[in-house]
């Protein structure tokens, strides 16, 4: 009996001491992350700790001290290099971070709030000199956590989810322009390191941005944006997105008026470099499109875009990718020449372009009768040719023999008639046109340097 009581007492004492000992896993993870930031241009300018028996709360303030070093670090995690102007945008930025976690080691959850406390040194100075009242407004907005990201992060399995705090702000600038910004219902979740997640999905309920001064007005509106991405590596990924509604409008002088409305947009892109050859795929569709300017309008429905690139040499592609990324950070005449030569090397290994569908089901011009639209399909093969560079140096026309193409272009008769009226140069195409039912068809072939349209040689 005494042994049992002693055993129970030891268990009680151990459990009681766990919170006092603290969550070593959480502490270790935080310290490692802070050291990484310190080594890459970010200074820890302030930190406080508030620990109770059950939880620990920490507050950090990070200052971007060396923007160049930080950008170099971030570029390691992206296929695209950040452009040089980003350095100026983040230099001197002060970021606040609040963390809370359980003192019991059995919990792997971190609750994190991240919020900018100050913009870059240059931006704050420019705001202060241009409009002191607006400078104070921005300063107060940031210091009151007006822009805040919340993350719940599991440091064991790397799952995370969170939100961006809703924003509803209005301000009248010195020139009497009224600026309105609204952001609502932004949620996200994923898995992996936050700087380079393996998967990420997000939802944006609505974004509204409006600038109005007298009769002049600029508006952007987006409703219900959802996205989902999975990343195997920098070059193998799948991403998809949907936007329920997007509006863009400029109102002012009659000749400058513009209105664009797009509904039910779907976007999908993927890249695969796991096989012997690399391949890329992109597909876009939208249900309705409206473009209005002063005195003219265009309405379309059921637009589709389905394109793929395949049979791409992976070694040449990776070389070109690296060169393009470097040139974005440091463009020069030499980098342009290197990209050109690398592009030719890539083409010399051959590739295939397939346009499965580019089409618009219906179209209405200037509120006239709604008519059927067009469709376009193509399959293009670039043959492998180790002497491609030499042939280009001799004569670019020789290279055309390296390309085989089969394409089909179809217009409704009514649309083709309008195109003939609006673009007189297209009239020459009538000699090659083929009528099939209510459509005008152009079957285009390019083989061994010879081009034909509907079996008629083009000379």
Protein backbone atom coordinates (compact mmCIF):
# COMPACT_ATOMS: atom_id res chain seq x y z
CA UNK A 1 0.00 0.00 0.00
CA UNK A 2 2.85 2.37 0.87
CA UNK A 3 4.51 1.63 -2.47
CA UNK A 4 1.29 2.42 -4.32
CA UNK A 5 0.88 5.70 -2.43
CA UNK A 6 4.52 6.57 -3.11
CA UNK A 7 4.05 5.81 -6.83
CA UNK A 8 0.92 7.96 -7.05
CA UNK A 9 2.69 10.78 -5.22
CA UNK A 10 5.56 10.69 -7.72
CA UNK A 11 3.12 10.88 -10.62
CA UNK A 12 1.30 13.85 -9.07
CA UNK A 13 4.58 15.66 -8.36
CA UNK A 14 5.86 15.01 -11.91
CA UNK A 15 2.66 16.27 -13.54
CA UNK A 16 2.71 19.32 -11.27
CA UNK A 17 6.28 20.13 -12.28
CA UNK A 18 5.66 19.83 -16.03
CA UNK A 19 4.37 23.39 -16.49
CA UNK A 20 7.21 24.75 -14.35
CA UNK A 21 9.77 22.92 -16.48
CA UNK A 22 8.11 24.51 -19.49
CA UNK A 23 7.50 23.32 -23.03
CA UNK A 24 11.07 22.67 -24.16
CA UNK A 25 10.03 21.74 -27.69
CA UNK A 26 8.32 25.11 -28.19
CA UNK A 27 11.24 27.01 -26.66
CA UNK A 28 13.75 25.13 -28.80
CA UNK A 29 11.78 25.76 -32.01
CA UNK A 30 11.43 29.48 -31.27
CA UNK A 31 15.09 29.93 -30.47
CA UNK A 32 16.11 28.14 -33.68
CA UNK A 33 13.82 30.38 -35.78
CA UNK A 34 15.11 33.55 -34.12
CA UNK A 35 18.72 32.54 -34.78
CA UNK A 36 17.90 31.93 -38.45
CA UNK A 37 16.39 35.42 -38.69
CA UNK A 38 19.39 36.99 -36.95
CA UNK A 39 21.75 35.29 -39.39
CA UNK A 40 19.78 36.67 -42.33
CA UNK A 41 19.51 40.38 -41.71
CA UNK A 42 16.72 40.56 -39.09
CA UNK A 43 17.45 42.01 -35.65
CA UNK A 44 15.49 41.18 -32.50
CA UNK A 45 14.95 44.72 -31.18
CA UNK A 46 12.63 43.91 -28.27
CA UNK A 47 11.25 40.87 -26.44
CA UNK A 48 9.16 40.22 -23.34
CA UNK A 49 7.85 37.07 -21.66
CA UNK A 50 4.74 36.61 -19.53
CA UNK A 51 4.55 33.10 -18.08
CA UNK A 52 1.81 31.65 -15.93
CA UNK A 53 1.45 28.13 -14.56
CA UNK A 54 -0.38 26.87 -17.65
CA UNK A 55 0.77 29.06 -20.54
CA UNK A 56 3.65 31.21 -21.76
CA UNK A 57 3.15 34.41 -23.75
CA UNK A 58 6.02 36.05 -25.64
CA UNK A 59 6.21 39.33 -27.50
CA UNK A 60 8.92 40.00 -30.09
CA UNK A 61 9.73 42.96 -32.30
CA UNK A 62 11.87 42.21 -35.35
CA UNK A 63 13.65 44.93 -37.35
CA UNK A 64 14.79 44.32 -40.93
CA UNK A 65 18.34 45.59 -40.54
CA UNK A 66 19.94 44.14 -43.69
CA UNK A 67 17.36 43.90 -46.48
CA UNK A 68 19.87 42.49 -49.00
CA UNK A 69 20.73 39.57 -46.75
CA UNK A 70 17.07 38.84 -46.01
CA UNK A 71 16.12 38.91 -49.69
CA UNK A 72 18.94 36.47 -50.50
CA UNK A 73 17.60 34.15 -47.80
CA UNK A 74 14.00 34.35 -49.08
CA UNK A 75 15.12 33.74 -52.67
CA UNK A 76 16.28 30.25 -51.67
CA UNK A 77 12.64 29.22 -51.26
CA UNK A 78 11.25 30.53 -54.52
CA UNK A 79 11.50 29.69 -58.20
CA UNK A 80 11.31 33.44 -58.87
CA UNK A 81 13.85 35.85 -57.45
CA UNK A 82 12.52 38.94 -55.70
CA UNK A 83 13.16 42.10 -57.77
CA UNK A 84 15.62 44.74 -56.46
CA UNK A 85 12.93 47.25 -55.42
CA UNK A 86 11.75 44.80 -52.73
CA UNK A 87 14.92 45.63 -50.78
CA UNK A 88 13.83 49.24 -50.41
CA UNK A 89 10.29 48.20 -49.50
CA UNK A 90 11.37 46.06 -46.54
CA UNK A 91 14.48 47.91 -45.32
CA UNK A 92 13.75 49.17 -41.81
CA UNK A 93 10.35 47.41 -41.51
CA UNK A 94 9.44 46.64 -37.88
CA UNK A 95 7.33 43.52 -37.32
CA UNK A 96 5.58 42.62 -34.08
CA UNK A 97 4.96 39.00 -33.11
CA UNK A 98 2.87 37.68 -30.20
CA UNK A 99 3.10 33.98 -29.33
CA UNK A 100 1.23 31.86 -26.85
CA UNK A 101 1.74 28.19 -26.05
CA UNK A 102 0.98 25.68 -23.34
CA UNK A 103 3.61 24.90 -20.71
CA UNK A 104 2.65 21.23 -20.87
CA UNK A 105 5.09 19.43 -23.21
CA UNK A 106 2.27 17.23 -24.53
CA UNK A 107 0.95 20.24 -26.50
CA UNK A 108 2.61 21.08 -29.83
CA UNK A 109 0.40 24.07 -30.69
CA UNK A 110 1.61 27.64 -31.11
CA UNK A 111 -0.77 30.57 -31.41
CA UNK A 112 0.90 33.41 -33.30
CA UNK A 113 -0.10 36.96 -34.23
CA UNK A 114 2.13 38.77 -36.74
CA UNK A 115 1.64 42.44 -37.53
CA UNK A 116 3.73 45.25 -39.07
CA UNK A 117 4.45 48.04 -36.59
CA UNK A 118 6.16 50.29 -39.13
CA UNK A 119 6.70 50.38 -42.89
CA UNK A 120 10.15 50.71 -44.42
CA UNK A 121 12.29 53.66 -43.38
CA UNK A 122 12.06 55.23 -46.83
CA UNK A 123 8.28 54.87 -47.09
CA UNK A 124 7.65 56.34 -43.64
CA UNK A 125 9.90 59.31 -44.40
CA UNK A 126 8.16 59.91 -47.75
CA UNK A 127 4.72 59.76 -46.09
CA UNK A 128 5.80 62.16 -43.37
CA UNK A 129 7.14 64.76 -45.81
CA UNK A 130 4.20 64.43 -48.23
CA UNK A 131 1.26 64.43 -45.79
CA UNK A 132 1.92 64.55 -42.04
CA UNK A 133 -1.73 63.73 -41.18
CA UNK A 134 -1.77 60.65 -43.40
CA UNK A 135 1.59 59.63 -41.92
CA UNK A 136 0.10 59.75 -38.43
CA UNK A 137 -2.97 57.83 -39.61
CA UNK A 138 -0.82 55.01 -41.05
CA UNK A 139 1.42 55.01 -37.98
CA UNK A 140 -1.55 54.71 -35.61
CA UNK A 141 -3.17 52.03 -37.79
CA UNK A 142 -0.07 49.84 -37.70
CA UNK A 143 0.71 50.38 -34.02
CA UNK A 144 -2.87 49.38 -33.14
CA UNK A 145 -2.45 46.08 -35.04
CA UNK A 146 -4.72 47.22 -37.86
CA UNK A 147 -3.00 44.74 -40.20
CA UNK A 148 -2.69 41.35 -38.48
CA UNK A 149 -2.07 37.73 -39.48
CA UNK A 150 -3.12 35.03 -37.01
CA UNK A 151 -1.64 31.54 -37.25
CA UNK A 152 -2.26 28.39 -35.25
CA UNK A 153 0.80 26.24 -35.90
CA UNK A 154 1.60 22.69 -34.83
CA UNK A 155 5.38 22.47 -34.46
CA UNK A 156 5.28 18.69 -34.55
CA UNK A 157 3.29 17.78 -37.68
CA UNK A 158 3.65 21.30 -39.25
CA UNK A 159 -0.09 21.74 -39.84
CA UNK A 160 -1.28 25.34 -39.69
CA UNK A 161 -4.41 27.40 -40.13
CA UNK A 162 -5.33 31.00 -39.50
CA UNK A 163 -6.84 34.22 -40.74
CA UNK A 164 -6.09 37.82 -41.66
CA UNK A 165 -7.88 40.36 -39.52
CA UNK A 166 -10.74 42.12 -41.33
CA UNK A 167 -9.90 45.62 -42.55
CA UNK A 168 -12.45 48.42 -42.99
CA UNK A 169 -10.69 51.77 -43.41
CA UNK A 170 -11.58 55.15 -44.89
CA UNK A 171 -9.38 58.22 -45.19
CA UNK A 172 -9.59 61.58 -46.96
CA UNK A 173 -6.25 62.64 -48.43
CA UNK A 174 -4.86 66.16 -48.57
CA UNK A 175 -6.18 66.59 -52.15
CA UNK A 176 -9.74 65.66 -50.98
CA UNK A 177 -9.58 62.15 -52.47
CA UNK A 178 -11.51 59.67 -50.34
CA UNK A 179 -9.77 56.28 -50.11
CA UNK A 180 -11.67 53.18 -48.93
CA UNK A 181 -10.15 49.76 -48.32
CA UNK A 182 -12.08 46.71 -47.12
CA UNK A 183 -10.82 43.15 -46.67
CA UNK A 184 -13.04 40.47 -45.12
CA UNK A 185 -13.17 36.79 -44.29
CA UNK A 186 -9.60 35.82 -45.21
CA UNK A 187 -8.83 32.26 -44.07
CA UNK A 188 -6.00 29.86 -44.88
CA UNK A 189 -4.62 26.46 -43.93
CA UNK A 190 -1.77 24.21 -44.99
CA UNK A 191 1.17 22.06 -44.01
CA UNK A 192 4.92 22.56 -43.94
CA UNK A 193 7.37 25.31 -43.11
CA UNK A 194 5.54 28.64 -43.18
CA UNK A 195 8.12 30.18 -45.51
CA UNK A 196 7.78 27.31 -48.01
CA UNK A 197 4.68 25.17 -47.30
CA UNK A 198 4.06 21.82 -48.98
CA UNK A 199 0.36 22.60 -49.28
CA UNK A 200 -1.69 25.77 -48.94
CA UNK A 201 -5.34 26.64 -49.41
CA UNK A 202 -7.00 30.00 -48.86
CA UNK A 203 -10.27 31.89 -49.00
CA UNK A 204 -10.85 35.61 -49.42
CA UNK A 205 -14.45 36.63 -48.87
CA UNK A 206 -14.13 40.09 -50.44
CA UNK A 207 -11.67 42.83 -51.34
CA UNK A 208 -12.85 46.36 -52.07
CA UNK A 209 -10.62 49.31 -52.98
CA UNK A 210 -12.07 52.67 -53.97
CA UNK A 211 -10.64 56.13 -54.62
CA UNK A 212 -13.14 58.92 -55.24
CA UNK A 213 -12.60 62.63 -55.90
CA UNK A 214 -15.52 64.64 -57.22
CA UNK A 215 -16.85 62.93 -60.34
CA UNK A 216 -13.70 60.83 -60.76
CA UNK A 217 -13.63 57.34 -59.28
CA UNK A 218 -11.46 54.23 -59.36
CA UNK A 219 -12.83 50.90 -58.09
CA UNK A 220 -11.61 47.32 -57.68
CA UNK A 221 -13.90 44.63 -56.26
CA UNK A 222 -13.27 40.91 -55.87
CA UNK A 223 -15.67 38.45 -54.25
CA UNK A 224 -15.12 34.88 -53.03
CA UNK A 225 -11.60 33.95 -54.10
CA UNK A 226 -10.53 30.40 -53.23
CA UNK A 227 -7.24 28.69 -54.00
CA UNK A 228 -5.44 25.42 -53.31
CA UNK A 229 -1.83 24.47 -54.02
CA UNK A 230 0.43 21.47 -53.48
CA UNK A 231 4.22 21.70 -53.88
CA UNK A 232 6.49 18.69 -54.37
CA UNK A 233 9.45 20.94 -55.18
CA UNK A 234 10.21 24.33 -56.75
CA UNK A 235 9.48 22.89 -60.19
CA UNK A 236 6.77 20.30 -59.45
CA UNK A 237 3.47 21.71 -58.21
CA UNK A 238 -0.28 21.96 -58.76
CA UNK A 239 -2.31 25.12 -58.13
CA UNK A 240 -5.94 25.97 -58.67
CA UNK A 241 -8.13 28.96 -57.94
CA UNK A 242 -11.62 30.32 -58.38
CA UNK A 243 -13.01 33.87 -58.31
CA UNK A 244 -16.76 34.30 -58.18
CA UNK A 245 -16.74 37.94 -59.24
CA UNK A 246 -14.17 40.57 -60.27
CA UNK A 247 -14.95 44.20 -61.14
CA UNK A 248 -12.65 46.99 -62.27
CA UNK A 249 -13.89 50.48 -63.09
CA UNK A 250 -12.52 53.92 -63.92
CA UNK A 251 -15.00 56.79 -64.01
CA UNK A 252 -14.22 60.38 -64.90
CA UNK A 253 -13.86 62.08 -68.22
CA UNK A 254 -16.04 60.37 -70.80
CA UNK A 255 -13.10 59.29 -72.99
CA UNK A 256 -11.39 57.62 -70.02
CA UNK A 257 -14.35 55.66 -68.67
CA UNK A 258 -13.71 51.94 -68.41
CA UNK A 259 -15.64 49.10 -66.81
CA UNK A 260 -14.66 45.43 -66.69
CA UNK A 261 -16.72 42.68 -65.07
CA UNK A 262 -15.78 39.00 -64.98
CA UNK A 263 -17.79 36.23 -63.32
CA UNK A 264 -16.97 32.67 -62.30
CA UNK A 265 -13.25 32.51 -63.11
CA UNK A 266 -11.39 29.20 -62.78
CA UNK A 267 -7.59 28.92 -62.93
CA UNK A 268 -5.44 25.79 -62.87
CA UNK A 269 -1.69 25.46 -63.44
CA UNK A 270 0.71 22.59 -62.88
CA UNK A 271 4.34 21.72 -63.46
CA UNK A 272 5.89 18.25 -63.41
CA UNK A 273 9.62 17.53 -63.61
CA UNK A 274 9.49 14.05 -62.06
CA UNK A 275 9.54 12.18 -65.37
CA UNK A 276 12.20 11.97 -68.07
CA UNK A 277 10.94 15.23 -69.60
CA UNK A 278 9.35 18.30 -68.00
CA UNK A 279 5.79 19.40 -68.70
CA UNK A 280 3.58 22.39 -67.88
CA UNK A 281 -0.16 22.78 -67.99
CA UNK A 282 -2.43 25.83 -67.73
CA UNK A 283 -6.20 26.06 -67.94
CA UNK A 284 -8.45 29.08 -67.49
CA UNK A 285 -12.17 29.51 -67.90
CA UNK A 286 -14.72 32.20 -67.18
CA UNK A 287 -18.48 32.27 -67.43
CA UNK A 288 -19.18 35.91 -68.29
CA UNK A 289 -17.09 38.87 -69.46
CA UNK A 290 -18.15 42.49 -69.92
CA UNK A 291 -15.88 45.32 -71.15
CA UNK A 292 -17.37 48.80 -71.56
CA UNK A 293 -15.71 52.01 -72.69
CA UNK A 294 -17.29 55.25 -73.78
CA UNK A 295 -19.44 54.41 -76.83
CA UNK A 296 -18.55 50.71 -77.10
CA UNK A 297 -19.09 47.46 -75.26
CA UNK A 298 -18.16 43.80 -75.52
CA UNK A 299 -19.89 40.90 -73.81
CA UNK A 300 -18.69 37.31 -73.96
CA UNK A 301 -19.60 34.02 -72.31
CA UNK A 302 -17.93 30.67 -71.68
CA UNK A 303 -14.32 31.51 -72.44
CA UNK A 304 -11.83 28.61 -72.21
CA UNK A 305 -8.04 28.46 -72.41
CA UNK A 306 -6.31 25.05 -72.22
CA UNK A 307 -2.59 24.93 -73.03
CA UNK A 308 0.28 22.55 -72.28
CA UNK A 309 4.04 22.35 -72.93
CA UNK A 310 5.69 18.95 -72.88
CA UNK A 311 8.77 17.01 -73.99
CA UNK A 312 10.98 19.70 -72.42
CA UNK A 313 14.60 18.89 -71.59
CA UNK A 314 14.94 19.20 -67.81
CA UNK A 315 18.64 20.12 -67.69
CA UNK A 316 18.24 22.97 -70.19
CA UNK A 317 15.05 24.11 -68.48
CA UNK A 318 16.70 24.30 -65.05
CA UNK A 319 19.61 26.29 -66.50
CA UNK A 320 17.20 28.76 -68.10
CA UNK A 321 15.13 28.99 -64.89
CA UNK A 322 18.18 29.92 -62.83
CA UNK A 323 19.30 32.56 -65.35
CA UNK A 324 15.85 34.17 -65.46
CA UNK A 325 15.66 34.23 -61.67
CA UNK A 326 19.07 35.88 -61.39
CA UNK A 327 18.25 38.46 -64.06
CA UNK A 328 15.18 39.61 -62.11
CA UNK A 329 17.43 40.50 -59.21
CA UNK A 330 20.27 41.88 -61.34
CA UNK A 331 19.38 42.56 -64.98
CA UNK A 332 22.19 43.34 -67.44
CA UNK A 333 23.11 43.06 -71.13
CA UNK A 334 25.16 39.98 -70.28
CA UNK A 335 22.24 38.29 -68.51
CA UNK A 336 19.96 38.99 -71.50
CA UNK A 337 22.50 37.35 -73.82
CA UNK A 338 22.83 34.35 -71.49
CA UNK A 339 19.05 33.93 -71.40
CA UNK A 340 18.85 34.12 -75.19
CA UNK A 341 21.54 31.45 -75.63
CA UNK A 342 19.96 29.25 -72.98
CA UNK A 343 16.55 29.57 -74.68
CA UNK A 344 18.05 28.46 -78.00
CA UNK A 345 19.72 25.53 -76.21
CA UNK A 346 16.35 24.54 -74.75
CA UNK A 347 14.63 24.71 -78.15
CA UNK A 348 17.44 22.68 -79.73
CA UNK A 349 16.40 19.74 -77.51
CA UNK A 350 12.86 19.85 -78.91
CA UNK A 351 9.46 20.39 -77.27
CA UNK A 352 5.72 20.18 -77.91
CA UNK A 353 3.09 22.92 -77.56
CA UNK A 354 -0.54 21.79 -77.40
CA UNK A 355 -3.46 24.17 -77.34
CA UNK A 356 -6.37 21.88 -76.66
CA UNK A 357 -8.85 24.74 -76.61
CA UNK A 358 -8.97 28.51 -76.83
CA UNK A 359 -12.59 29.44 -77.38
CA UNK A 360 -15.39 31.89 -76.69
CA UNK A 361 -18.87 30.43 -76.92
CA UNK A 362 -20.90 33.60 -77.49
CA UNK A 363 -20.13 37.28 -78.06
CA UNK A 364 -22.13 40.51 -78.19
CA UNK A 365 -20.62 43.71 -79.60
CA UNK A 366 -22.07 47.16 -78.85
CA UNK A 367 -25.31 45.67 -77.48
CA UNK A 368 -26.22 44.23 -80.85
CA UNK A 369 -27.41 40.68 -81.48
CA UNK A 370 -25.62 37.99 -79.49
CA UNK A 371 -23.73 35.68 -81.86
CA UNK A 372 -21.63 32.54 -81.63
CA UNK A 373 -17.89 33.02 -81.10
CA UNK A 374 -14.74 31.17 -82.14
CA UNK A 375 -12.48 28.25 -81.25
CA UNK A 376 -8.79 27.54 -81.82
CA UNK A 377 -6.74 24.35 -81.47
CA UNK A 378 -3.11 23.67 -82.29
CA UNK A 379 -0.43 21.02 -81.94
CA UNK A 380 3.12 22.25 -82.56
CA UNK A 381 6.30 20.16 -82.43
CA UNK A 382 9.79 21.65 -82.38
CA UNK A 383 12.22 18.97 -83.56
CA UNK A 384 15.47 18.26 -81.79
CA UNK A 385 18.38 19.90 -83.63
CA UNK A 386 21.91 20.17 -82.22
CA UNK A 387 22.79 22.66 -85.00
CA UNK A 388 19.96 25.09 -84.21
CA UNK A 389 22.29 27.93 -83.17
CA UNK A 390 24.35 27.59 -86.36
CA UNK A 391 21.22 27.62 -88.52
CA UNK A 392 19.94 30.75 -86.78
CA UNK A 393 23.27 32.46 -87.46
CA UNK A 394 23.02 31.58 -91.18
CA UNK A 395 19.33 32.32 -91.72
CA UNK A 396 16.33 32.14 -89.36
CA UNK A 397 14.21 30.95 -92.31
CA UNK A 398 16.06 27.61 -92.31
CA UNK A 399 14.82 26.92 -88.78
CA UNK A 400 11.17 26.89 -89.88
CA UNK A 401 11.77 23.37 -91.19
CA UNK A 402 12.28 22.28 -87.57
CA UNK A 403 8.64 23.05 -86.78
CA UNK A 404 5.61 20.88 -87.57
CA UNK A 405 2.17 22.29 -86.82
CA UNK A 406 -1.45 21.29 -87.17
CA UNK A 407 -3.99 23.95 -86.24
CA UNK A 408 -7.72 24.51 -86.59
CA UNK A 409 -9.38 27.91 -86.35
CA UNK A 410 -13.16 28.21 -86.44
CA UNK A 411 -15.37 31.33 -86.49
CA UNK A 412 -19.12 31.64 -86.63
CA UNK A 413 -20.15 33.18 -89.94
CA UNK A 414 -21.55 36.25 -88.23
CA UNK A 415 -18.39 36.89 -86.22
CA UNK A 416 -16.16 36.38 -89.27
CA UNK A 417 -18.26 38.94 -91.17
CA UNK A 418 -17.74 41.51 -88.41
CA UNK A 419 -13.99 40.82 -88.35
CA UNK A 420 -13.83 41.40 -92.13
CA UNK A 421 -15.60 44.73 -91.70
CA UNK A 422 -13.46 45.94 -88.81
CA UNK A 423 -10.08 44.63 -90.04
CA UNK A 424 -9.84 45.04 -93.83
CA UNK A 425 -6.47 43.24 -93.96
CA UNK A 426 -8.25 39.99 -93.05
CA UNK A 427 -10.09 40.02 -96.40
CA UNK A 428 -7.22 38.06 -98.02
CA UNK A 429 -8.16 35.11 -95.80
CA UNK A 430 -11.49 34.73 -97.65
CA UNK A 431 -9.68 32.97 -100.49
CA UNK A 432 -8.69 30.18 -98.10
CA UNK A 433 -11.87 30.03 -95.99
CA UNK A 434 -13.97 26.87 -95.85
CA UNK A 435 -17.64 26.87 -94.87
CA UNK A 436 -18.82 24.03 -92.68
CA UNK A 437 -22.43 24.49 -91.58
CA UNK A 438 -22.67 27.87 -89.82
CA UNK A 439 -18.91 28.18 -89.32
CA UNK A 440 -15.87 29.38 -91.26
CA UNK A 441 -13.00 26.93 -90.84
CA UNK A 442 -9.24 27.31 -91.37
CA UNK A 443 -7.25 24.07 -91.11
CA UNK A 444 -3.61 25.15 -91.03
CA UNK A 445 -0.62 22.87 -91.54
CA UNK A 446 3.10 23.59 -91.41
CA UNK A 447 5.33 20.73 -92.56
CA UNK A 448 8.98 20.86 -93.68
CA UNK A 449 8.78 24.61 -94.00
CA UNK A 450 5.66 24.61 -96.20
CA UNK A 451 2.46 26.24 -94.96
CA UNK A 452 -1.01 25.31 -96.19
CA UNK A 453 -4.50 26.46 -95.28
CA UNK A 454 -7.40 24.11 -96.06
CA UNK A 455 -5.05 22.15 -98.36
CA UNK A 456 -4.07 25.28 -100.31
CA UNK A 457 -0.38 26.13 -100.29
CA UNK A 458 0.44 29.57 -98.95
CA UNK A 459 3.14 31.28 -100.97
